[in-house]
C-alpha atoms as a PDB file:
ATOM      1  CA  MET A   1    -198.322 169.473 -81.966  1.00  0.00           C
ATOM      2  CA  THR A   2    -198.999 166.101 -80.381  1.00  0.00           C
ATOM      3  CA  THR A   3    -196.606 163.397 -81.530  1.00  0.00           C
ATOM      4  CA  ALA A   4    -197.721 159.967 -82.690  1.00  0.00           C
ATOM      5  CA  GLU A   5    -196.027 158.372 -79.708  1.00  0.00           C
ATOM      6  CA  GLU A   6    -197.989 160.558 -77.282  1.00  0.00           C
ATOM      7  CA  ALA A   7    -201.312 159.913 -78.962  1.00  0.00           C
ATOM      8  CA  PHE A   8    -201.767 156.171 -78.438  1.00  0.00           C
ATOM      9  CA  HIS A   9    -204.998 156.320 -76.453  1.00  0.00           C
ATOM     10  CA  LEU A  10    -207.593 153.628 -76.142  1.00  0.00           C
ATOM     11  CA  PRO A  11    -211.054 153.995 -77.637  1.00  0.00           C
ATOM     12  CA  ASP A  12    -213.461 155.678 -75.251  1.00  0.00           C
ATOM     13  CA  TYR A  13    -216.141 153.122 -76.102  1.00  0.00           C
ATOM     14  CA  GLU A  14    -217.864 153.269 -72.739  1.00  0.00           C
ATOM     15  CA  SER A  15    -218.749 156.957 -73.061  1.00  0.00           C
ATOM     16  CA  ASP A  16    -219.798 156.754 -76.715  1.00  0.00           C
ATOM     17  CA  ALA A  17    -223.178 155.084 -77.118  1.00  0.00           C
ATOM     18  CA  SER A  18    -222.944 155.267 -80.905  1.00  0.00           C
ATOM     19  CA  VAL A  19    -220.258 152.554 -80.949  1.00  0.00           C
ATOM     20  CA  ALA A  20    -221.172 150.558 -77.851  1.00  0.00           C
ATOM     21  CA  ASP A  21    -222.613 147.628 -79.798  1.00  0.00           C
ATOM     22  CA  LEU A  22    -220.077 147.550 -82.627  1.00  0.00           C
ATOM     23  CA  PRO A  23    -217.310 144.920 -82.816  1.00  0.00           C
ATOM     24  CA  ARG A  24    -214.200 146.168 -81.086  1.00  0.00           C
ATOM     25  CA  TYR A  25    -210.815 146.270 -82.769  1.00  0.00           C
ATOM     26  CA  PHE A  26    -207.450 146.903 -81.166  1.00  0.00           C
ATOM     27  CA  HIS A  27    -203.921 147.324 -82.447  1.00  0.00           C
ATOM     28  CA  ALA A  28    -200.701 146.160 -80.816  1.00  0.00           C
ATOM     29  CA  ASN A  29    -200.075 149.522 -79.116  1.00  0.00           C
ATOM     30  CA  ASP A  30    -203.530 149.347 -77.517  1.00  0.00           C
ATOM     31  CA  VAL A  31    -202.683 145.977 -76.008  1.00  0.00           C
ATOM     32  CA  ALA A  32    -199.191 147.013 -74.971  1.00  0.00           C
ATOM     33  CA  GLN A  33    -200.539 149.718 -72.636  1.00  0.00           C
ATOM     34  CA  HIS A  34    -202.163 147.073 -70.434  1.00  0.00           C
ATOM     35  CA  ASN A  35    -199.150 145.439 -68.850  1.00  0.00           C
ATOM     36  CA  SER A  36    -199.567 145.511 -65.085  1.00  0.00           C
ATOM     37  CA  THR A  37    -201.067 143.401 -62.325  1.00  0.00           C
ATOM     38  CA  ASN A  38    -204.141 145.623 -62.121  1.00  0.00           C
ATOM     39  CA  ASP A  39    -204.562 145.974 -65.875  1.00  0.00           C
ATOM     40  CA  CYS A  40    -203.412 143.033 -67.949  1.00  0.00           C
ATOM     41  CA  TRP A  41    -204.243 142.299 -71.589  1.00  0.00           C
ATOM     42  CA  VAL A  42    -202.805 139.801 -74.049  1.00  0.00           C
ATOM     43  CA  SER A  43    -203.569 138.920 -77.641  1.00  0.00           C
ATOM     44  CA  PHE A  44    -203.367 135.594 -79.413  1.00  0.00           C
ATOM     45  CA  LEU A  45    -204.703 133.989 -82.566  1.00  0.00           C
ATOM     46  CA  GLY A  46    -206.232 137.287 -83.673  1.00  0.00           C
ATOM     47  CA  LYS A  47    -208.203 138.027 -80.501  1.00  0.00           C
ATOM     48  CA  VAL A  48    -207.620 140.339 -77.532  1.00  0.00           C
ATOM     49  CA  TYR A  49    -208.190 139.219 -73.946  1.00  0.00           C
ATOM     50  CA  ASN A  50    -208.429 141.075 -70.648  1.00  0.00           C
ATOM     51  CA  ILE A  51    -207.024 138.631 -68.096  1.00  0.00           C
ATOM     52  CA  THR A  52    -206.930 141.084 -65.209  1.00  0.00           C
ATOM     53  CA  PRO A  53    -209.646 139.092 -63.345  1.00  0.00           C
ATOM     54  CA  LEU A  54    -207.404 136.013 -63.463  1.00  0.00           C
ATOM     55  CA  LEU A  55    -204.555 137.873 -61.803  1.00  0.00           C
ATOM     56  CA  GLU A  56    -206.941 139.012 -59.085  1.00  0.00           C
ATOM     57  CA  GLU A  57    -208.321 135.496 -58.609  1.00  0.00           C
ATOM     58  CA  TYR A  58    -204.851 133.942 -58.369  1.00  0.00           C
ATOM     59  CA  LYS A  59    -203.069 136.870 -56.733  1.00  0.00           C
ATOM     60  CA  ASN A  60    -201.667 134.594 -54.018  1.00  0.00           C
ATOM     61  CA  ASP A  61    -200.186 132.183 -56.565  1.00  0.00           C
ATOM     62  CA  THR A  62    -196.879 133.790 -57.511  1.00  0.00           C
ATOM     63  CA  GLN A  63    -196.218 131.276 -60.267  1.00  0.00           C
ATOM     64  CA  VAL A  64    -199.497 132.015 -62.050  1.00  0.00           C
ATOM     65  CA  VAL A  65    -199.169 135.768 -61.628  1.00  0.00           C
ATOM     66  CA  ASN A  66    -195.592 135.857 -62.912  1.00  0.00           C
ATOM     67  CA  ALA A  67    -196.439 133.775 -65.973  1.00  0.00           C
ATOM     68  CA  PHE A  68    -199.180 136.232 -66.929  1.00  0.00           C
ATOM     69  CA  LEU A  69    -197.149 139.336 -66.102  1.00  0.00           C
ATOM     70  CA  ASN A  70    -194.296 138.123 -68.303  1.00  0.00           C
ATOM     71  CA  ALA A  71    -196.813 138.036 -71.172  1.00  0.00           C
ATOM     72  CA  ALA A  72    -198.714 141.202 -70.268  1.00  0.00           C
ATOM     73  CA  GLY A  73    -199.328 143.582 -73.142  1.00  0.00           C
ATOM     74  CA  ARG A  74    -197.916 141.162 -75.704  1.00  0.00           C
ATOM     75  CA  ASP A  75    -199.084 138.804 -78.417  1.00  0.00           C
ATOM     76  CA  ILE A  76    -198.689 135.192 -77.302  1.00  0.00           C
ATOM     77  CA  SER A  77    -199.899 133.416 -80.423  1.00  0.00           C
ATOM     78  CA  HIS A  78    -196.645 131.433 -80.431  1.00  0.00           C
ATOM     79  CA  TRP A  79    -197.914 129.592 -77.352  1.00  0.00           C
ATOM     80  CA  PHE A  80    -200.724 128.009 -79.364  1.00  0.00           C
ATOM     81  CA  ASN A  81    -201.342 125.624 -82.217  1.00  0.00           C
ATOM     82  CA  PRO A  82    -203.331 127.808 -84.660  1.00  0.00           C
ATOM     83  CA  LYS A  83    -205.220 124.794 -86.022  1.00  0.00           C
ATOM     84  CA  THR A  84    -206.521 123.528 -82.678  1.00  0.00           C
ATOM     85  CA  GLY A  85    -206.413 126.613 -80.460  1.00  0.00           C
ATOM     86  CA  GLU A  86    -204.693 124.458 -77.829  1.00  0.00           C
ATOM     87  CA  PHE A  87    -201.217 124.892 -76.410  1.00  0.00           C
ATOM     88  CA  ARG A  88    -198.415 123.688 -78.617  1.00  0.00           C
ATOM     89  CA  THR A  89    -197.021 120.275 -77.696  1.00  0.00           C
ATOM     90  CA  HIS A  90    -193.748 118.413 -78.026  1.00  0.00           C
ATOM     91  CA  ASP A  91    -192.583 114.873 -77.360  1.00  0.00           C
ATOM     92  CA  ASP A  92    -191.139 114.457 -73.896  1.00  0.00           C
ATOM     93  CA  SER A  93    -187.628 113.001 -74.164  1.00  0.00           C
ATOM     94  CA  GLN A  94    -188.089 110.795 -71.099  1.00  0.00           C
ATOM     95  CA  THR A  95    -191.597 109.437 -71.557  1.00  0.00           C
ATOM     96  CA  GLY A  96    -192.132 109.842 -75.287  1.00  0.00           C
ATOM     97  CA  LEU A  97    -195.525 111.384 -74.525  1.00  0.00           C
ATOM     98  CA  SER A  98    -196.872 114.476 -76.236  1.00  0.00           C
ATOM     99  CA  VAL A  99    -196.921 117.196 -73.588  1.00  0.00           C
ATOM    100  CA  PRO A 100    -197.660 120.948 -73.577  1.00  0.00           C
ATOM    101  CA  PHE A 101    -194.714 123.049 -74.710  1.00  0.00           C
ATOM    102  CA  THR A 102    -194.343 125.696 -72.005  1.00  0.00           C
ATOM    103  CA  PRO A 103    -190.731 126.895 -71.906  1.00  0.00           C
ATOM    104  CA  MET A 104    -192.052 130.069 -70.260  1.00  0.00           C
ATOM    105  CA  GLY A 105    -192.879 127.955 -67.184  1.00  0.00           C
ATOM    106  CA  PRO A 106    -196.139 126.448 -65.886  1.00  0.00           C
ATOM    107  CA  VAL A 107    -199.254 128.173 -67.237  1.00  0.00           C
ATOM    108  CA  LEU A 108    -202.682 128.218 -65.596  1.00  0.00           C
ATOM    109  CA  HIS A 109    -205.034 125.446 -66.841  1.00  0.00           C
ATOM    110  CA  VAL A 110    -202.306 123.792 -68.894  1.00  0.00           C
ATOM    111  CA  LEU A 111    -201.985 120.368 -67.325  1.00  0.00           C
ATOM    112  CA  PRO A 112    -198.735 118.382 -67.168  1.00  0.00           C
ATOM    113  CA  HIS A 113    -198.519 114.782 -68.378  1.00  0.00           C
ATOM    114  CA  ALA A 114    -198.156 113.450 -64.815  1.00  0.00           C
ATOM    115  CA  PRO A 115    -200.562 113.986 -61.870  1.00  0.00           C
ATOM    116  CA  ARG A 116    -199.672 116.813 -59.499  1.00  0.00           C
ATOM    117  CA  THR A 117    -201.323 118.129 -56.357  1.00  0.00           C
ATOM    118  CA  ASP A 118    -200.238 121.763 -56.722  1.00  0.00           C
ATOM    119  CA  ILE A 119    -202.187 122.503 -59.915  1.00  0.00           C
ATOM    120  CA  ASP A 120    -205.809 123.602 -60.181  1.00  0.00           C
ATOM    121  CA  THR A 121    -207.766 120.929 -62.065  1.00  0.00           C
ATOM    122  CA  THR A 122    -211.264 122.036 -61.037  1.00  0.00           C
ATOM    123  CA  PHE A 123    -211.871 124.322 -64.018  1.00  0.00           C
ATOM    124  CA  GLU A 124    -214.433 123.470 -66.709  1.00  0.00           C
ATOM    125  CA  VAL A 125    -213.167 125.797 -69.438  1.00  0.00           C
ATOM    126  CA  PRO A 126    -209.510 126.893 -69.633  1.00  0.00           C
ATOM    127  CA  TRP A 127    -209.012 130.645 -69.490  1.00  0.00           C
ATOM    128  CA  TYR A 128    -207.750 130.803 -73.072  1.00  0.00           C
ATOM    129  CA  LYS A 129    -211.061 129.405 -74.343  1.00  0.00           C
ATOM    130  CA  ASP A 130    -213.361 131.275 -71.986  1.00  0.00           C
ATOM    131  CA  PRO A 131    -215.290 133.944 -73.949  1.00  0.00           C
ATOM    132  CA  LYS A 132    -215.751 136.140 -70.878  1.00  0.00           C
ATOM    133  CA  TYR A 133    -212.115 137.257 -71.141  1.00  0.00           C
ATOM    134  CA  GLN A 134    -212.280 138.087 -74.841  1.00  0.00           C
ATOM    135  CA  ILE A 135    -212.839 141.807 -75.403  1.00  0.00           C
ATOM    136  CA  GLY A 136    -212.206 142.247 -79.099  1.00  0.00           C
ATOM    137  CA  THR A 137    -210.270 141.451 -82.232  1.00  0.00           C
ATOM    138  CA  LEU A 138    -206.682 142.276 -83.081  1.00  0.00           C
ATOM    139  CA  THR A 139    -206.590 144.391 -86.206  1.00  0.00           C
ATOM    140  CA  LYS A 140    -205.069 142.947 -89.354  1.00  0.00           C
ATOM    141  CA  LYS A 141    -203.423 146.314 -89.921  1.00  0.00           C
ATOM    142  CA  SER A 142    -203.211 149.678 -88.213  1.00  0.00           C
ATOM    143  CA  ARG A 143    -202.568 153.059 -89.767  1.00  0.00           C
ATOM    144  CA  LYS A 144    -201.994 156.599 -88.563  1.00  0.00           C
ATOM    145  CA  ILE A 145    -204.108 159.652 -89.274  1.00  0.00           C
ATOM    146  CA  ARG A 146    -203.860 163.307 -88.266  1.00  0.00           C
ATOM    147  CA  ILE A 147    -206.952 165.121 -87.026  1.00  0.00           C
ATOM    148  CA  LYS A 148    -206.925 168.899 -87.413  1.00  0.00           C
ATOM    149  CA  ASN A 149    -209.441 170.937 -85.426  1.00  0.00           C
ATOM    150  CA  VAL A 150    -209.941 174.090 -87.500  1.00  0.00           C
ATOM    151  CA  LEU A 151    -211.580 175.834 -84.540  1.00  0.00           C
ATOM    152  CA  VAL A 152    -208.324 175.913 -82.554  1.00  0.00           C
ATOM    153  CA  ASP A 153    -204.947 177.038 -83.857  1.00  0.00           C
ATOM    154  CA  ASN A 154    -202.260 174.345 -83.875  1.00  0.00           C
ATOM    155  CA  ASP A 155    -204.664 171.683 -82.623  1.00  0.00           C
ATOM    156  CA  GLU A 156    -203.458 168.624 -84.508  1.00  0.00           C
ATOM    157  CA  TYR A 157    -203.781 165.160 -83.046  1.00  0.00           C
ATOM    158  CA  VAL A 158    -202.246 161.943 -84.333  1.00  0.00           C
ATOM    159  CA  LEU A 159    -204.046 158.644 -83.855  1.00  0.00           C
ATOM    160  CA  GLU A 160    -203.101 155.087 -84.654  1.00  0.00           C
ATOM    161  CA  VAL A 161    -206.327 153.380 -85.710  1.00  0.00           C
ATOM    162  CA  CYS A 162    -207.485 149.999 -86.982  1.00  0.00           C
ATOM    163  CA  THR A 163    -208.340 149.673 -90.664  1.00  0.00           C
ATOM    164  CA  GLU A 164    -211.571 147.832 -89.799  1.00  0.00           C
ATOM    165  CA  GLU A 165    -212.923 150.649 -87.620  1.00  0.00           C
ATOM    166  CA  PRO A 166    -215.648 152.956 -88.915  1.00  0.00           C
ATOM    167  CA  LEU A 167    -215.155 156.677 -88.348  1.00  0.00           C
ATOM    168  CA  SER A 168    -217.481 156.511 -85.355  1.00  0.00           C
ATOM    169  CA  GLN A 169    -214.999 154.273 -83.544  1.00  0.00           C
ATOM    170  CA  ILE A 170    -212.098 156.473 -84.576  1.00  0.00           C
ATOM    171  CA  ARG A 171    -214.046 159.387 -83.131  1.00  0.00           C
ATOM    172  CA  ALA A 172    -214.376 157.407 -79.890  1.00  0.00           C
ATOM    173  CA  ARG A 173    -210.587 157.212 -79.775  1.00  0.00           C
ATOM    174  CA  TYR A 174    -210.353 160.943 -80.415  1.00  0.00           C
ATOM    175  CA  MET A 175    -212.712 161.737 -77.528  1.00  0.00           C
ATOM    176  CA  SER A 176    -209.853 161.328 -75.059  1.00  0.00           C
ATOM    177  CA  HIS A 177    -208.445 164.499 -76.640  1.00  0.00           C
ATOM    178  CA  ASN A 178    -211.729 166.305 -77.370  1.00  0.00           C
ATOM    179  CA  ALA A 179    -214.773 165.366 -75.304  1.00  0.00           C
ATOM    180  CA  HIS A 180    -217.034 167.319 -77.697  1.00  0.00           C
ATOM    181  CA  ALA A 181    -216.014 165.292 -80.745  1.00  0.00           C
ATOM    182  CA  HIS A 182    -219.669 164.626 -81.606  1.00  0.00           C
ATOM    183  CA  SER A 183    -220.176 168.344 -82.144  1.00  0.00           C
ATOM    184  CA  TYR A 184    -217.914 168.416 -85.190  1.00  0.00           C
ATOM    185  CA  THR A 185    -218.318 167.590 -88.862  1.00  0.00           C
ATOM    186  CA  TRP A 186    -215.460 165.481 -90.167  1.00  0.00           C
ATOM    187  CA  LYS A 187    -214.087 166.187 -93.667  1.00  0.00           C
ATOM    188  CA  PHE A 188    -211.333 164.947 -95.947  1.00  0.00           C
ATOM    189  CA  LEU A 189    -210.424 166.945 -99.056  1.00  0.00           C
ATOM    190  CA  ARG A 190    -213.553 169.054 -98.331  1.00  0.00           C
ATOM    191  CA  ARG A 191    -215.782 165.970 -98.482  1.00  0.00           C
ATOM    192  CA  VAL A 192    -218.041 165.251 -95.508  1.00  0.00           C
ATOM    193  CA  LEU A 193    -217.174 161.811 -94.205  1.00  0.00           C
ATOM    194  CA  ASP A 194    -219.641 159.033 -93.433  1.00  0.00           C
ATOM    195  CA  MET A 195    -219.078 158.134 -89.775  1.00  0.00           C
ATOM    196  CA  ASN A 196    -220.500 154.654 -90.348  1.00  0.00           C
ATOM    197  CA  LYS A 197    -217.807 153.785 -92.892  1.00  0.00           C
ATOM    198  CA  THR A 198    -214.111 152.979 -92.589  1.00  0.00           C
ATOM    199  CA  LEU A 199    -211.340 155.216 -93.852  1.00  0.00           C
ATOM    200  CA  GLU A 200    -210.999 153.091 -96.969  1.00  0.00           C
ATOM    201  CA  GLU A 201    -214.751 153.166 -97.572  1.00  0.00           C
ATOM    202  CA  ASN A 202    -214.569 156.955 -97.249  1.00  0.00           C
ATOM    203  CA  ASN A 203    -211.986 156.969-100.051  1.00  0.00           C
ATOM    204  CA  ILE A 204    -209.069 157.725 -97.760  1.00  0.00           C
ATOM    205  CA  PRO A 205    -206.621 155.184 -99.161  1.00  0.00           C
ATOM    206  CA  ASP A 206    -203.963 153.364 -97.156  1.00  0.00           C
ATOM    207  CA  GLU A 207    -200.724 154.200 -98.958  1.00  0.00           C
ATOM    208  CA  ASP A 208    -198.273 152.729 -96.439  1.00  0.00           C
ATOM    209  CA  GLU A 209    -197.015 150.070 -98.864  1.00  0.00           C
ATOM    210  CA  GLU A 210    -196.411 152.667-101.544  1.00  0.00           C
ATOM    211  CA  PHE A 211    -194.530 154.876 -99.087  1.00  0.00           C
ATOM    212  CA  ALA A 212    -192.406 151.893 -98.040  1.00  0.00           C
ATOM    213  CA  ARG A 213    -191.658 151.083-101.690  1.00  0.00           C
ATOM    214  CA  LEU A 214    -190.513 154.660-102.242  1.00  0.00           C
ATOM    215  CA  ASN A 215    -188.568 154.679 -98.963  1.00  0.00           C
ATOM    216  CA  MET A 216    -190.749 157.488 -97.631  1.00  0.00           C
ATOM    217  CA  ASN A 217    -191.619 157.976 -93.962  1.00  0.00           C
ATOM    218  CA  ARG A 218    -195.345 157.284 -93.672  1.00  0.00           C
ATOM    219  CA  ASP A 219    -195.566 159.513 -90.581  1.00  0.00           C
ATOM    220  CA  GLU A 220    -194.719 162.536 -92.713  1.00  0.00           C
ATOM    221  CA  PHE A 221    -197.461 161.809 -95.245  1.00  0.00           C
ATOM    222  CA  MET A 222    -200.344 160.509 -93.155  1.00  0.00           C
ATOM    223  CA  PRO A 223    -203.804 161.721 -94.244  1.00  0.00           C
ATOM    224  CA  THR A 224    -205.248 164.696 -92.414  1.00  0.00           C
ATOM    225  CA  ILE A 225    -208.909 164.831 -91.463  1.00  0.00           C
ATOM    226  CA  PHE A 226    -210.286 168.313 -90.786  1.00  0.00           C
ATOM    227  CA  ILE A 227    -213.048 168.704 -88.235  1.00  0.00           C
ATOM    228  CA  TYR A 228    -215.403 171.695 -88.203  1.00  0.00           C
ATOM    229  CA  PHE A 229    -217.272 172.800 -85.108  1.00  0.00           C
ATOM    230  CA  ASN A 230    -221.072 172.715 -85.458  1.00  0.00           C
ATOM    231  CA  ASP A 231    -221.701 175.277 -82.686  1.00  0.00           C
ATOM    232  CA  ASP A 232    -223.461 172.626 -80.655  1.00  0.00           C
ATOM    233  CA  LEU A 233    -222.101 171.354 -77.326  1.00  0.00           C
ATOM    234  CA  THR A 234    -225.118 169.210 -76.538  1.00  0.00           C
ATOM    235  CA  GLU A 235    -223.330 166.041 -77.613  1.00  0.00           C
ATOM    236  CA  ALA A 236    -220.399 165.914 -75.249  1.00  0.00           C
END
C-alpha cells in the first residue's frame, strides 16, 4: 500500500480540462517539492508563487539566486508586513531611518535606504506584487484521504488534499496514480459523491481536531473513498 509520505503529488491540472479554470489551492507539501533552481516556489501571505522565471532571469547574480534558493519551497510570510504587503522594516541604529528588515541578506527589488549602483532599480512592480508569479492560494487546512480502487486488489492511495478543493480537483491529484480516474464513480459510505463539491460538502467530515483531542493518530482513521470502474476508458 502506498504510504502518505510517498503520495504527495501535485495536482495534474494541465491534463484535466474539468478543473482548468477553477481556483488553485496548494498545501505546504505541494510547495515544499519545488525547491531547486529550475523549479522554485514560495508561499507568503496566503498565496503561492512560482519564482522560477526570476531565477532564470537573474541566474548570473549569485546574491539574488542564493536569496531565493534559501527560501525555496518554504513559506516566507515572516518577511512581510501583513497589513501593507511590503517588506517588514526596522529603525536603522545609525541613521534612525526606517529600512527594510532583511536579515536573510539583500533581496531582489527591496531597496536599501542609501543609493547603490549594484542594485536593479529599473523595475516597475516588485516581484512580490507581480501577479504573473502568483499561481494559487495556500490552503487554510489540508487533510488526508485514502482512495481505494475496488477494481484492483490492494490498490489504496493516500492523498493530502486542500479542504477548499472540490472532488474534481482531488481527482486531478489522483490522476498521477491513475490516468483513467475520470472513468470511475467515486463513493463514500455507498453514496455517489458530487465531484463539484468539497469533501465537507459531500458530508465527509474533517475529524482531525477530534482525533487530536482523543490522542488518536489521524493517519489511521482517515476517510476512505471507494472508486468503481465504469467500463469506459474514453476519458483518460
